[in-house]
Amino acid sequence: MSLLRVILGTSNPDVRIALQYISINPTVSATIKYQIVSNTEGIKDNEIIIDGQQYSAWGNDDTIIYHIICARHNLRYVPYVEPEFYEEVFVYKNNVGEIVSELIRKPNPNYIRPLSLPASEPAPEPVPASESSSEPAPAPETAP
C-alpha cells in the first residue's frame, strides 16, 4: 500500500478528488481509496477496484485512472490548479460581546502564477512600392 498526495481537478469547479492511497495486487487489480471534496456537499470517502481490462490498460499512464474515477461520478478529469487565495472564516467576539464572523483571503503559498509572455509588437505596415521609377538603383561599390 502506498500513500498518495494527488488532487484531481474535475469539470465541476466546485468538486475535486483527493487520492489517498492505493493497494496493488500485481497483475490482478488495484484498490484506490479517495475522497470527493465538494464546496457544497462536503467530503465523501470512496473506493474503487480497478481490475481486468482496465487494470491491463493502465500501464504507466496514471491519467487513465484519473479518467476512470471521474467518470464514475459523472465528471470529467481536468488537471488541478492550485487557487491563488484561500478563504477562511474568522469568528470572534467584538467589543459589545456579539459573535462576529469575517471572511479573510490569504495567499496560497503553493500557487504558481502562470507565465505571462510579453505582448508581441504589431508587424510594421508594409511600405507601398513607389511608382515606377525611371532611374535604376545605384550599383553597390566594389573595392579595388
N, C-alpha and C. Protein backbone atom coordinates (compact mmCIF):
# COMPACT_ATOMS: atom_id res chain seq x y z
N MET A 1 0.85 -1.16 0.00
CA MET A 1 0.00 0.00 0.00
C MET A 1 0.90 1.23 0.00
N SER A 2 0.55 2.20 -0.81
CA SER A 2 1.35 3.42 -0.83
C SER A 2 0.44 4.63 -0.64
N LEU A 3 0.94 5.59 0.09
CA LEU A 3 0.20 6.80 0.39
C LEU A 3 0.33 7.77 -0.79
N LEU A 4 -0.76 8.38 -1.17
CA LEU A 4 -0.76 9.31 -2.30
C LEU A 4 -1.09 10.72 -1.83
N ARG A 5 -0.62 11.67 -2.55
CA ARG A 5 -1.00 13.06 -2.31
C ARG A 5 -1.27 13.69 -3.66
N VAL A 6 -2.32 13.20 -4.31
CA VAL A 6 -2.66 13.68 -5.64
C VAL A 6 -4.06 14.26 -5.59
N ILE A 7 -4.21 15.46 -6.15
CA ILE A 7 -5.53 16.09 -6.24
C ILE A 7 -5.89 16.18 -7.71
N LEU A 8 -7.09 15.71 -8.02
CA LEU A 8 -7.58 15.76 -9.39
C LEU A 8 -8.58 16.90 -9.53
N GLY A 9 -8.41 17.67 -10.57
CA GLY A 9 -9.42 18.66 -10.89
C GLY A 9 -10.52 17.97 -11.68
N THR A 10 -11.70 18.57 -11.69
CA THR A 10 -12.82 17.99 -12.43
C THR A 10 -13.49 19.06 -13.27
N SER A 11 -14.41 18.61 -14.11
CA SER A 11 -15.15 19.54 -14.96
C SER A 11 -16.05 20.46 -14.14
N ASN A 12 -16.32 20.11 -12.89
CA ASN A 12 -17.10 20.96 -11.99
C ASN A 12 -16.10 21.71 -11.09
N PRO A 13 -16.01 23.04 -11.22
CA PRO A 13 -15.01 23.78 -10.44
C PRO A 13 -15.20 23.70 -8.93
N ASP A 14 -16.38 23.27 -8.47
CA ASP A 14 -16.64 23.14 -7.03
C ASP A 14 -16.31 21.75 -6.49
N VAL A 15 -15.85 20.85 -7.35
CA VAL A 15 -15.57 19.47 -6.93
C VAL A 15 -14.16 19.09 -7.35
N ARG A 16 -13.42 18.49 -6.41
CA ARG A 16 -12.11 17.93 -6.73
C ARG A 16 -12.02 16.57 -6.06
N ILE A 17 -11.08 15.78 -6.50
CA ILE A 17 -10.92 14.42 -5.98
C ILE A 17 -9.52 14.32 -5.38
N ALA A 18 -9.46 13.86 -4.12
CA ALA A 18 -8.18 13.70 -3.43
C ALA A 18 -7.88 12.21 -3.31
N LEU A 19 -6.88 11.75 -4.06
CA LEU A 19 -6.47 10.35 -3.97
C LEU A 19 -5.73 10.17 -2.66
N GLN A 20 -6.09 9.13 -1.89
CA GLN A 20 -5.48 8.92 -0.58
C GLN A 20 -4.43 7.83 -0.59
N TYR A 21 -4.81 6.63 -1.00
CA TYR A 21 -3.80 5.58 -1.11
C TYR A 21 -4.25 4.50 -2.07
N ILE A 22 -3.27 3.70 -2.46
CA ILE A 22 -3.51 2.66 -3.44
C ILE A 22 -2.89 1.36 -2.94
N SER A 23 -3.60 0.28 -3.14
CA SER A 23 -3.11 -1.05 -2.79
C SER A 23 -3.12 -1.87 -4.07
N ILE A 24 -1.96 -2.42 -4.45
CA ILE A 24 -1.86 -3.13 -5.72
C ILE A 24 -1.65 -4.63 -5.47
N ASN A 25 -2.44 -5.42 -6.16
CA ASN A 25 -2.25 -6.87 -6.21
C ASN A 25 -1.66 -7.12 -7.60
N PRO A 26 -0.34 -7.28 -7.71
CA PRO A 26 0.33 -7.31 -9.02
C PRO A 26 -0.34 -8.26 -10.02
N THR A 27 -0.46 -7.76 -11.23
CA THR A 27 -1.07 -8.44 -12.40
C THR A 27 -2.55 -8.76 -12.23
N VAL A 28 -3.17 -8.36 -11.10
CA VAL A 28 -4.58 -8.70 -10.87
C VAL A 28 -5.45 -7.45 -10.75
N SER A 29 -5.15 -6.57 -9.76
CA SER A 29 -6.03 -5.44 -9.51
C SER A 29 -5.33 -4.37 -8.68
N ALA A 30 -6.00 -3.25 -8.57
CA ALA A 30 -5.56 -2.14 -7.72
C ALA A 30 -6.79 -1.60 -7.01
N THR A 31 -6.66 -1.35 -5.72
CA THR A 31 -7.73 -0.74 -4.94
C THR A 31 -7.29 0.67 -4.59
N ILE A 32 -8.10 1.63 -4.95
CA ILE A 32 -7.76 3.04 -4.73
C ILE A 32 -8.78 3.66 -3.80
N LYS A 33 -8.31 4.26 -2.72
CA LYS A 33 -9.18 4.99 -1.79
C LYS A 33 -9.00 6.48 -2.10
N TYR A 34 -10.11 7.19 -2.14
CA TYR A 34 -10.08 8.61 -2.47
C TYR A 34 -11.26 9.31 -1.83
N GLN A 35 -11.20 10.64 -1.86
CA GLN A 35 -12.29 11.45 -1.32
C GLN A 35 -12.80 12.39 -2.40
N ILE A 36 -14.11 12.54 -2.44
CA ILE A 36 -14.73 13.57 -3.27
C ILE A 36 -14.86 14.79 -2.37
N VAL A 37 -14.23 15.89 -2.74
CA VAL A 37 -14.26 17.11 -1.94
C VAL A 37 -15.10 18.13 -2.71
N SER A 38 -16.26 18.45 -2.12
CA SER A 38 -17.20 19.37 -2.76
C SER A 38 -17.39 20.60 -1.90
N ASN A 39 -17.39 21.76 -2.52
CA ASN A 39 -17.62 23.00 -1.78
C ASN A 39 -19.04 23.07 -1.23
N THR A 40 -19.97 22.33 -1.85
CA THR A 40 -21.36 22.40 -1.41
C THR A 40 -21.80 21.18 -0.60
N GLU A 41 -21.21 19.99 -0.88
CA GLU A 41 -21.66 18.77 -0.21
C GLU A 41 -20.65 18.20 0.78
N GLY A 42 -19.52 18.84 0.96
CA GLY A 42 -18.52 18.35 1.92
C GLY A 42 -17.62 17.28 1.35
N ILE A 43 -17.13 16.39 2.22
CA ILE A 43 -16.16 15.36 1.85
C ILE A 43 -16.81 13.99 1.97
N LYS A 44 -16.66 13.17 0.94
CA LYS A 44 -17.20 11.81 0.95
C LYS A 44 -16.08 10.83 0.62
N ASP A 45 -15.92 9.79 1.46
CA ASP A 45 -14.92 8.75 1.22
C ASP A 45 -15.42 7.77 0.17
N ASN A 46 -14.51 7.32 -0.70
CA ASN A 46 -14.86 6.38 -1.75
C ASN A 46 -13.72 5.39 -1.97
N GLU A 47 -14.05 4.31 -2.66
CA GLU A 47 -13.06 3.29 -3.00
C GLU A 47 -13.44 2.72 -4.36
N ILE A 48 -12.44 2.43 -5.16
CA ILE A 48 -12.67 1.81 -6.46
C ILE A 48 -11.65 0.70 -6.65
N ILE A 49 -12.09 -0.40 -7.26
CA ILE A 49 -11.19 -1.51 -7.58
C ILE A 49 -11.04 -1.54 -9.10
N ILE A 50 -9.81 -1.41 -9.54
CA ILE A 50 -9.52 -1.46 -10.97
C ILE A 50 -8.97 -2.86 -11.25
N ASP A 51 -9.64 -3.61 -12.14
CA ASP A 51 -9.16 -4.95 -12.47
C ASP A 51 -9.47 -5.26 -13.92
N GLY A 52 -9.12 -6.46 -14.35
CA GLY A 52 -9.44 -6.89 -15.71
C GLY A 52 -8.81 -6.02 -16.77
N GLN A 53 -9.63 -5.70 -17.76
CA GLN A 53 -9.16 -4.95 -18.93
C GLN A 53 -8.68 -3.54 -18.53
N GLN A 54 -9.36 -2.90 -17.59
CA GLN A 54 -8.94 -1.56 -17.15
C GLN A 54 -7.57 -1.63 -16.48
N TYR A 55 -7.36 -2.65 -15.65
CA TYR A 55 -6.06 -2.79 -14.98
C TYR A 55 -4.96 -3.05 -16.00
N SER A 56 -5.24 -3.86 -17.00
CA SER A 56 -4.25 -4.17 -18.05
C SER A 56 -3.92 -2.93 -18.86
N ALA A 57 -4.91 -2.09 -19.11
CA ALA A 57 -4.69 -0.88 -19.92
C ALA A 57 -3.97 0.22 -19.15
N TRP A 58 -3.94 0.12 -17.84
CA TRP A 58 -3.37 1.17 -17.00
C TRP A 58 -1.93 1.46 -17.38
N GLY A 59 -1.05 0.48 -17.33
CA GLY A 59 0.35 0.69 -17.70
C GLY A 59 1.00 1.78 -16.87
N ASN A 60 1.73 2.69 -17.54
CA ASN A 60 2.45 3.77 -16.86
C ASN A 60 1.69 5.09 -16.86
N ASP A 61 0.55 5.15 -17.51
CA ASP A 61 -0.19 6.40 -17.65
C ASP A 61 -1.27 6.52 -16.58
N ASP A 62 -0.98 7.23 -15.49
CA ASP A 62 -1.94 7.37 -14.40
C ASP A 62 -3.18 8.15 -14.78
N THR A 63 -3.12 8.94 -15.84
CA THR A 63 -4.31 9.72 -16.21
C THR A 63 -5.48 8.81 -16.58
N ILE A 64 -5.20 7.57 -16.99
CA ILE A 64 -6.28 6.62 -17.27
C ILE A 64 -7.10 6.40 -16.00
N ILE A 65 -6.41 6.23 -14.86
CA ILE A 65 -7.10 6.04 -13.58
C ILE A 65 -7.89 7.29 -13.22
N TYR A 66 -7.30 8.47 -13.45
CA TYR A 66 -7.97 9.72 -13.13
C TYR A 66 -9.29 9.82 -13.90
N HIS A 67 -9.26 9.44 -15.19
CA HIS A 67 -10.47 9.50 -16.01
C HIS A 67 -11.51 8.49 -15.54
N ILE A 68 -11.06 7.29 -15.15
CA ILE A 68 -12.00 6.26 -14.67
C ILE A 68 -12.71 6.73 -13.40
N ILE A 69 -11.93 7.28 -12.45
CA ILE A 69 -12.52 7.73 -11.19
C ILE A 69 -13.51 8.87 -11.43
N CYS A 70 -13.11 9.84 -12.24
CA CYS A 70 -14.01 10.97 -12.52
C CYS A 70 -15.28 10.50 -13.23
N ALA A 71 -15.15 9.62 -14.20
CA ALA A 71 -16.32 9.12 -14.95
C ALA A 71 -17.29 8.40 -14.03
N ARG A 72 -16.77 7.74 -13.00
CA ARG A 72 -17.63 7.03 -12.04
C ARG A 72 -18.59 8.01 -11.36
N HIS A 73 -18.22 9.27 -11.27
CA HIS A 73 -19.04 10.29 -10.59
C HIS A 73 -19.61 11.30 -11.58
N ASN A 74 -19.70 10.90 -12.85
CA ASN A 74 -20.24 11.75 -13.92
C ASN A 74 -19.50 13.08 -14.03
N LEU A 75 -18.18 13.02 -13.89
CA LEU A 75 -17.34 14.20 -14.02
C LEU A 75 -16.29 13.92 -15.10
N ARG A 76 -15.66 14.97 -15.58
CA ARG A 76 -14.52 14.83 -16.49
C ARG A 76 -13.28 15.27 -15.75
N TYR A 77 -12.17 14.59 -16.00
CA TYR A 77 -10.90 14.94 -15.38
C TYR A 77 -10.30 16.15 -16.08
N VAL A 78 -9.85 17.11 -15.29
CA VAL A 78 -9.03 18.22 -15.78
C VAL A 78 -7.90 18.40 -14.76
N PRO A 79 -6.72 18.78 -15.21
CA PRO A 79 -5.62 18.96 -14.25
C PRO A 79 -5.99 19.98 -13.17
N TYR A 80 -5.61 19.67 -11.95
CA TYR A 80 -5.92 20.55 -10.82
C TYR A 80 -4.96 21.73 -10.81
N VAL A 81 -5.48 22.92 -10.57
CA VAL A 81 -4.68 24.13 -10.48
C VAL A 81 -4.89 24.71 -9.08
N GLU A 82 -3.80 24.91 -8.38
CA GLU A 82 -3.89 25.49 -7.03
C GLU A 82 -4.54 26.87 -7.11
N PRO A 83 -5.44 27.21 -6.17
CA PRO A 83 -6.05 28.54 -6.17
C PRO A 83 -5.04 29.59 -5.72
N GLU A 84 -5.22 30.81 -6.20
CA GLU A 84 -4.31 31.90 -5.83
C GLU A 84 -4.50 32.29 -4.37
N PHE A 85 -5.75 32.21 -3.87
CA PHE A 85 -6.05 32.58 -2.49
C PHE A 85 -6.91 31.50 -1.83
N TYR A 86 -6.78 31.41 -0.52
CA TYR A 86 -7.69 30.61 0.29
C TYR A 86 -8.58 31.58 1.05
N GLU A 87 -9.81 31.17 1.28
CA GLU A 87 -10.71 31.98 2.08
C GLU A 87 -11.00 31.25 3.37
N GLU A 88 -10.86 31.94 4.48
CA GLU A 88 -11.15 31.37 5.79
C GLU A 88 -12.13 32.26 6.52
N VAL A 89 -12.95 31.65 7.34
CA VAL A 89 -13.90 32.42 8.15
C VAL A 89 -13.27 32.61 9.53
N PHE A 90 -13.14 33.86 9.93
CA PHE A 90 -12.57 34.21 11.23
C PHE A 90 -13.73 34.61 12.13
N VAL A 91 -13.94 33.86 13.23
CA VAL A 91 -15.05 34.11 14.14
C VAL A 91 -14.49 34.63 15.46
N TYR A 92 -15.08 35.72 15.97
CA TYR A 92 -14.60 36.32 17.22
C TYR A 92 -15.71 37.12 17.88
N LYS A 93 -15.47 37.51 19.14
CA LYS A 93 -16.42 38.40 19.84
C LYS A 93 -15.92 39.83 19.69
N ASN A 94 -16.85 40.71 19.35
CA ASN A 94 -16.47 42.12 19.24
C ASN A 94 -16.53 42.81 20.61
N ASN A 95 -16.33 44.13 20.66
CA ASN A 95 -16.29 44.88 21.92
C ASN A 95 -17.59 44.77 22.72
N VAL A 96 -18.70 44.59 22.04
CA VAL A 96 -20.01 44.54 22.68
C VAL A 96 -20.34 43.11 23.14
N GLY A 97 -19.54 42.14 22.75
CA GLY A 97 -19.78 40.76 23.14
C GLY A 97 -20.55 39.95 22.11
N GLU A 98 -20.82 40.55 20.96
CA GLU A 98 -21.52 39.83 19.90
C GLU A 98 -20.53 38.94 19.15
N ILE A 99 -20.99 37.79 18.71
CA ILE A 99 -20.14 36.92 17.90
C ILE A 99 -20.24 37.39 16.46
N VAL A 100 -19.08 37.66 15.89
CA VAL A 100 -18.99 38.21 14.54
C VAL A 100 -18.13 37.27 13.70
N SER A 101 -18.46 37.14 12.44
CA SER A 101 -17.61 36.35 11.53
C SER A 101 -17.17 37.24 10.38
N GLU A 102 -15.97 36.97 9.92
CA GLU A 102 -15.38 37.77 8.86
C GLU A 102 -14.67 36.83 7.90
N LEU A 103 -14.86 37.02 6.60
CA LEU A 103 -14.21 36.22 5.59
C LEU A 103 -12.85 36.84 5.28
N ILE A 104 -11.78 36.05 5.42
CA ILE A 104 -10.43 36.56 5.20
C ILE A 104 -9.80 35.79 4.05
N ARG A 105 -9.22 36.53 3.11
CA ARG A 105 -8.50 35.91 1.98
C ARG A 105 -7.02 35.87 2.32
N LYS A 106 -6.43 34.68 2.21
CA LYS A 106 -5.00 34.53 2.46
C LYS A 106 -4.33 34.00 1.20
N PRO A 107 -3.13 34.49 0.88
CA PRO A 107 -2.44 33.97 -0.31
C PRO A 107 -2.06 32.50 -0.12
N ASN A 108 -2.17 31.75 -1.17
CA ASN A 108 -1.83 30.33 -1.16
C ASN A 108 -0.33 30.19 -1.45
N PRO A 109 0.45 29.63 -0.52
CA PRO A 109 1.89 29.51 -0.77
C PRO A 109 2.22 28.51 -1.88
N ASN A 110 1.27 27.64 -2.25
CA ASN A 110 1.51 26.66 -3.31
C ASN A 110 1.11 27.16 -4.69
N TYR A 111 0.54 28.36 -4.75
CA TYR A 111 0.08 28.89 -6.03
C TYR A 111 1.28 29.29 -6.88
N ILE A 112 1.23 28.91 -8.13
CA ILE A 112 2.28 29.30 -9.08
C ILE A 112 1.62 30.16 -10.14
N ARG A 113 2.05 31.41 -10.19
CA ARG A 113 1.47 32.36 -11.15
C ARG A 113 1.83 31.92 -12.57
N PRO A 114 0.84 31.86 -13.47
CA PRO A 114 1.15 31.47 -14.85
C PRO A 114 2.09 32.48 -15.49
N LEU A 115 2.95 31.98 -16.34
CA LEU A 115 3.88 32.87 -17.04
C LEU A 115 3.09 33.76 -17.98
N SER A 116 3.43 35.03 -17.97
CA SER A 116 2.80 35.93 -18.93
C SER A 116 3.87 36.34 -19.92
N LEU A 117 3.62 36.01 -21.14
CA LEU A 117 4.58 36.33 -22.19
C LEU A 117 4.40 37.78 -22.60
N PRO A 118 5.51 38.45 -22.96
CA PRO A 118 5.37 39.85 -23.37
C PRO A 118 4.52 39.92 -24.64
N ALA A 119 3.73 40.96 -24.68
CA ALA A 119 2.87 41.15 -25.85
C ALA A 119 3.76 41.40 -27.06
N SER A 120 3.44 40.74 -28.15
CA SER A 120 4.25 40.94 -29.36
C SER A 120 3.86 42.27 -30.00
N GLU A 121 4.86 42.93 -30.52
CA GLU A 121 4.61 44.21 -31.18
C GLU A 121 3.99 43.93 -32.54
N PRO A 122 3.06 44.79 -32.95
CA PRO A 122 2.45 44.56 -34.26
C PRO A 122 3.49 44.70 -35.36
N ALA A 123 3.31 43.92 -36.39
CA ALA A 123 4.24 43.98 -37.53
C ALA A 123 4.15 45.36 -38.17
N PRO A 124 5.29 45.88 -38.63
CA PRO A 124 5.23 47.21 -39.27
C PRO A 124 4.40 47.14 -40.55
N GLU A 125 3.79 48.27 -40.84
CA GLU A 125 2.98 48.37 -42.05
C GLU A 125 3.89 48.22 -43.27
N PRO A 126 3.48 47.43 -44.24
CA PRO A 126 4.33 47.32 -45.44
C PRO A 126 4.35 48.65 -46.18
N VAL A 127 5.54 49.00 -46.65
CA VAL A 127 5.70 50.26 -47.39
C VAL A 127 5.27 49.99 -48.82
N PRO A 128 4.33 50.81 -49.32
CA PRO A 128 3.87 50.56 -50.69
C PRO A 128 5.01 50.79 -51.68
N ALA A 129 5.04 49.99 -52.71
CA ALA A 129 6.08 50.14 -53.74
C ALA A 129 5.86 51.48 -54.41
N SER A 130 6.97 52.19 -54.63
CA SER A 130 6.86 53.52 -55.24
C SER A 130 6.46 53.36 -56.69
N GLU A 131 5.95 54.45 -57.21
CA GLU A 131 5.54 54.45 -58.62
C GLU A 131 6.76 54.07 -59.44
N SER A 132 6.55 53.53 -60.60
CA SER A 132 7.68 53.08 -61.41
C SER A 132 8.66 54.22 -61.58
N SER A 133 9.89 53.94 -61.20
CA SER A 133 10.94 54.95 -61.24
C SER A 133 11.70 54.81 -62.55
N SER A 134 12.05 55.97 -63.16
CA SER A 134 12.76 55.93 -64.43
C SER A 134 14.26 55.73 -64.21
N GLU A 135 14.75 56.01 -62.98
CA GLU A 135 16.18 55.84 -62.72
C GLU A 135 16.41 54.46 -62.11
N PRO A 136 17.47 53.76 -62.59
CA PRO A 136 17.77 52.47 -62.00
C PRO A 136 18.44 52.66 -60.63
N ALA A 137 18.38 51.67 -59.79
CA ALA A 137 19.01 51.74 -58.47
C ALA A 137 20.51 51.74 -58.65
N PRO A 138 21.26 52.48 -57.77
CA PRO A 138 22.73 52.53 -57.94
C PRO A 138 23.34 51.16 -57.63
N ALA A 139 24.42 50.86 -58.36
CA ALA A 139 25.11 49.58 -58.16
C ALA A 139 25.97 49.70 -56.90
N PRO A 140 26.15 48.60 -56.15
CA PRO A 140 26.98 48.65 -54.96
C PRO A 140 28.44 48.90 -55.33
N GLU A 141 29.15 49.62 -54.45
CA GLU A 141 30.55 49.92 -54.72
C GLU A 141 31.39 48.67 -54.49
N THR A 142 32.43 48.53 -55.28
CA THR A 142 33.34 47.41 -55.13
C THR A 142 34.71 47.91 -54.77
N ALA A 143 35.44 47.16 -53.95
CA ALA A 143 36.79 47.58 -53.54
C ALA A 143 37.78 47.28 -54.64
N PRO A 144 38.80 48.18 -54.86
CA PRO A 144 39.78 47.95 -55.95
C PRO A 144 40.72 46.80 -55.65
